[in-house]
Amino acid sequence: MTFQIYRKGVGVYARCAVAGLFGLATIFAAYSLYGALIGLPEFFAGARIPLLDVRLTWGVVSACILFVFFGMLIGVFTLGFEVGLRWIDKKSKGAIEFFIETQAELQKVSWPTQNQLIGSTIVVIIFLIVLSLYILGVDWIVSTVMETVGIL
């Protein structure tokens, strides 16, 4: 088990983005678990977290354990820490290679300039207006014909 970052300095932005998103999901999951278990009794009678002055309930303990566990998984799959289990290490290195390749491909993208973006947006908006007027006209004609025939 080594605590060295796999391919350090490569794919940093992609790794940070993935770690941040998974970290946010972990916070929501821990909070949801805490909310689901909030009605359970205290872990130990009268036990409190000293600095926060919060009762130590099963919900708090479970949420903390979940947060730490998923935090370690995020570290393994975004930083490449080896855990000693070959299949987990292989999967984490595969995930990291994917993040590195994703960032490399995004750097090759030719992004539009502001004028190109504004021009394209205007074209799309005009097309949507023309299309909606066409659909409105066809609907009006069809409904008028159906009313004349007596179907509506």
Protein backbone atom coordinates (compact mmCIF):
# COMPACT_ATOMS: atom_id res chain seq x y z
CA MET A 1 0.00 0.00 0.00
CA THR A 2 1.54 3.28 -1.13
CA PHE A 3 0.31 6.80 -0.63
CA GLN A 4 1.71 8.29 -3.81
CA ILE A 5 -0.44 10.02 -6.39
CA TYR A 6 -0.64 8.00 -9.60
CA ARG A 7 0.68 10.06 -12.55
CA LYS A 8 1.02 13.20 -10.48
CA GLY A 9 0.45 16.48 -12.32
CA VAL A 10 -1.45 14.95 -15.24
CA GLY A 11 -5.20 15.41 -15.63
CA VAL A 12 -5.43 17.61 -12.56
CA TYR A 13 -8.51 19.58 -13.66
CA ALA A 14 -10.49 16.48 -14.59
CA ARG A 15 -9.56 14.76 -11.33
CA CYS A 16 -10.52 17.82 -9.29
CA ALA A 17 -13.85 18.15 -11.08
CA VAL A 18 -14.71 14.49 -10.54
CA ALA A 19 -13.56 14.55 -6.91
CA GLY A 20 -15.58 17.70 -6.26
CA LEU A 21 -18.75 16.31 -7.80
CA PHE A 22 -18.44 12.99 -5.98
CA GLY A 23 -17.60 14.84 -2.77
CA LEU A 24 -20.77 16.91 -3.12
CA ALA A 25 -22.80 13.75 -3.76
CA THR A 26 -21.21 12.20 -0.65
CA ILE A 27 -22.22 15.18 1.47
CA PHE A 28 -25.81 14.88 0.24
CA ALA A 29 -25.81 11.12 0.86
CA ALA A 30 -24.46 11.54 4.39
CA TYR A 31 -27.01 14.25 5.14
CA SER A 32 -29.83 12.07 3.78
CA LEU A 33 -28.68 9.15 5.91
CA TYR A 34 -28.53 11.43 8.94
CA GLY A 35 -32.08 12.62 8.23
CA ALA A 36 -33.32 9.04 7.85
CA LEU A 37 -31.76 7.92 11.13
CA ILE A 38 -32.38 11.06 13.18
CA GLY A 39 -35.14 9.42 15.22
CA LEU A 40 -32.91 6.63 16.55
CA PRO A 41 -31.65 6.83 20.14
CA GLU A 42 -28.25 8.16 21.16
CA PHE A 43 -25.14 6.13 20.49
CA PHE A 44 -24.26 6.23 24.19
CA ALA A 45 -26.53 7.76 26.81
CA GLY A 46 -25.57 11.42 27.24
CA ALA A 47 -22.74 11.26 24.69
CA ARG A 48 -22.03 14.55 22.92
CA ILE A 49 -19.48 15.86 20.44
CA PRO A 50 -17.49 18.29 22.61
CA LEU A 51 -16.65 21.17 20.25
CA LEU A 52 -19.96 21.18 18.42
CA ASP A 53 -22.16 20.37 21.43
CA VAL A 54 -24.19 17.91 19.33
CA ARG A 55 -25.75 14.72 20.65
CA LEU A 56 -23.96 11.62 19.41
CA THR A 57 -26.80 9.69 17.77
CA TRP A 58 -26.77 6.74 15.40
CA GLY A 59 -27.57 9.14 12.58
CA VAL A 60 -24.46 11.24 13.26
CA VAL A 61 -22.22 8.19 13.60
CA SER A 62 -23.60 6.53 10.43
CA ALA A 63 -23.33 9.74 8.41
CA CYS A 64 -19.71 10.24 9.52
CA ILE A 65 -18.78 6.64 8.70
CA LEU A 66 -20.43 6.94 5.27
CA PHE A 67 -18.66 10.25 4.60
CA VAL A 68 -15.24 8.88 5.57
CA PHE A 69 -15.73 5.66 3.57
CA PHE A 70 -16.77 7.45 0.40
CA GLY A 71 -14.05 10.06 0.94
CA MET A 72 -11.47 7.27 0.92
CA LEU A 73 -13.02 5.80 -2.25
CA ILE A 74 -12.87 9.21 -3.91
CA GLY A 75 -9.20 9.46 -2.95
CA VAL A 76 -8.50 6.01 -4.37
CA PHE A 77 -10.32 6.63 -7.65
CA THR A 78 -9.16 10.21 -8.29
CA LEU A 79 -5.66 10.27 -6.82
CA GLY A 80 -4.66 6.67 -7.45
CA PHE A 81 -3.67 5.63 -3.95
CA GLU A 82 -2.96 1.91 -3.91
CA VAL A 83 -4.96 -0.10 -1.38
CA GLY A 84 -3.25 -3.45 -1.88
CA LEU A 85 -6.17 -5.14 -3.64
CA ARG A 86 -5.11 -5.72 -7.24
CA TRP A 87 -8.56 -5.43 -8.82
CA ILE A 88 -9.36 -2.13 -7.03
CA ASP A 89 -5.94 -0.72 -7.93
CA LYS A 90 -6.44 -1.74 -11.57
CA LYS A 91 -9.91 -0.13 -11.71
CA SER A 92 -8.71 3.08 -10.07
CA LYS A 93 -5.80 3.41 -12.50
CA GLY A 94 -8.21 2.79 -15.38
CA ALA A 95 -10.49 5.55 -14.09
CA ILE A 96 -7.57 7.94 -13.72
CA GLU A 97 -6.38 7.19 -17.26
CA PHE A 98 -9.91 7.99 -18.46
CA PHE A 99 -9.84 11.37 -16.65
CA ILE A 100 -6.42 12.16 -18.13
CA GLU A 101 -7.56 11.26 -21.65
CA THR A 102 -10.76 13.28 -21.21
CA GLN A 103 -8.82 16.38 -20.22
CA ALA A 104 -6.41 15.87 -23.13
CA GLU A 105 -9.30 15.63 -25.61
CA LEU A 106 -11.00 18.72 -24.18
CA GLN A 107 -7.79 20.68 -24.69
CA LYS A 108 -7.95 19.81 -28.41
CA VAL A 109 -11.46 21.26 -28.80
CA SER A 110 -11.70 24.47 -30.80
CA TRP A 111 -14.07 26.63 -28.79
CA PRO A 112 -16.11 29.30 -30.60
CA THR A 113 -15.35 32.98 -30.21
CA GLN A 114 -17.89 35.27 -28.57
CA ASN A 115 -19.07 36.62 -31.95
CA GLN A 116 -19.52 33.09 -33.34
CA LEU A 117 -21.47 32.08 -30.23
CA ILE A 118 -23.76 35.12 -30.42
CA GLY A 119 -24.34 34.58 -34.16
CA SER A 120 -25.18 30.90 -33.66
CA THR A 121 -27.53 31.72 -30.80
CA ILE A 122 -29.39 34.29 -32.90
CA VAL A 123 -29.76 31.77 -35.76
CA VAL A 124 -31.18 29.15 -33.36
CA ILE A 125 -33.65 31.62 -31.81
CA ILE A 126 -34.88 32.80 -35.24
CA PHE A 127 -35.26 29.20 -36.42
CA LEU A 128 -37.28 28.32 -33.30
CA ILE A 129 -39.59 31.31 -33.83
CA VAL A 130 -40.15 30.38 -37.51
CA LEU A 131 -40.77 26.73 -36.58
CA SER A 132 -43.24 27.66 -33.85
CA LEU A 133 -45.13 29.96 -36.26
CA TYR A 134 -45.27 27.14 -38.81
CA ILE A 135 -46.64 24.70 -36.22
CA LEU A 136 -49.16 27.32 -35.05
CA GLY A 137 -50.33 27.87 -38.65
CA VAL A 138 -50.67 24.16 -39.42
CA ASP A 139 -52.56 23.62 -36.15
CA TRP A 140 -54.92 26.51 -36.90
CA ILE A 141 -55.61 25.25 -40.44
CA VAL A 142 -56.20 21.65 -39.30
CA SER A 143 -58.49 22.72 -36.43
CA THR A 144 -60.47 25.04 -38.76
CA VAL A 145 -60.93 22.24 -41.29
CA MET A 146 -61.97 19.83 -38.52
CA GLU A 147 -64.50 22.33 -37.14
CA THR A 148 -65.92 22.91 -40.65
CA VAL A 149 -66.30 19.18 -41.23
CA GLY A 150 -67.89 18.82 -37.79
CA ILE A 151 -65.37 16.54 -36.14
CA LEU A 152 -64.47 19.04 -33.38
